[in-house]
Amino acid sequence: MTSTHTSALANTNGMNLYTEFQHEHANRPTLVFLHDSLGCLQLWRDFPEKLAQAAQCNVLVYDRLGYGKSAPMPSHERPTNYLELEADVLNNLLATLEITDAILFGHSDGGSIALIAASKYPEKIKAIICEAAHIFVEELTLNGIYAAMQAYNTTNLPERLQKYHGDKVDTIFKAWTHTWTRSDYRQWNIEHFLPGITCPLLFIQGEADEYGTLAQVEKTVSQVNGPAEKYLIPNAGHTPHKQYPQLVLDKAIEFIHRLA
């Protein structure tokens, strides 16, 4: 099969999402990378390519609406079910690109989106690797967000983010912090989706994650209906794939190779 590598704005239900899709392996799954609440395609750096090459998979990386090179969000205001809506967007994007055998690799918000998508759209999802995902709101998470808000107002964090998101930075930062710290968001919980997950799951978490406790991991792996395993990394915080990339790569490769 001819290798194809496309970079494009994909129109998904009227939203222009920046995508990079590399299809090199016939009859192999497609790794789909889902970034965190301030992330984007560029911030994954070379991690998706390294994993795809080692696991002999195709790879799709994209910026959600408002992030990176995608079109801006209409507003920073979000409904409490915004992550569920992002899972629907992902499903539409997979349909547009004719991907029916996705292995989702989601970090933080992206991990939560992966879990919801695998529950709602099992026919398209072959497996999930979720890293530092949230399934409910914890005080630790909120404390981390308040610390980020302080940093945004007192350090060069806005300038660092502008390098990747341009003039959309204020909107995405408010979308994250205002939503999660709203009183109505305290009740947000996606545990009801977990029994619908029947595909294999690998949950990666840093033991020193500043945004979530190990309860997120335990309650996820104990409630899904497919084979589930956890991989806890000592001394790692919220971004193990950046702090300990080789450990995460090795574990992810092993997990993918075990898939039927």
Foldseek 3Di string as FASTA:
>chain_A
DDWDWDWAQDQFVNWGKTKIWIDDAPPAAEEEEAEALLDAQCVLPCLQVVLCVLLVHIYMGIGDALWFPTDRDPFLDDDLCVLLVVLVSVVRVCVVVVQQEYEYEYAASGLVSVLNNCLVPVRRYQEYEYELYAFAADPLQLVVLVVVVVCVVPHCVQVVSCVGRPPSSVSSNCSVNVNCPDPVNNGHGRLVSQQSRAHEYEYEYECAASRDHCCRVVSRCVRHNHHYDYHYHYPDYRCCCVVPVVVVSVVVSVVSVPRD
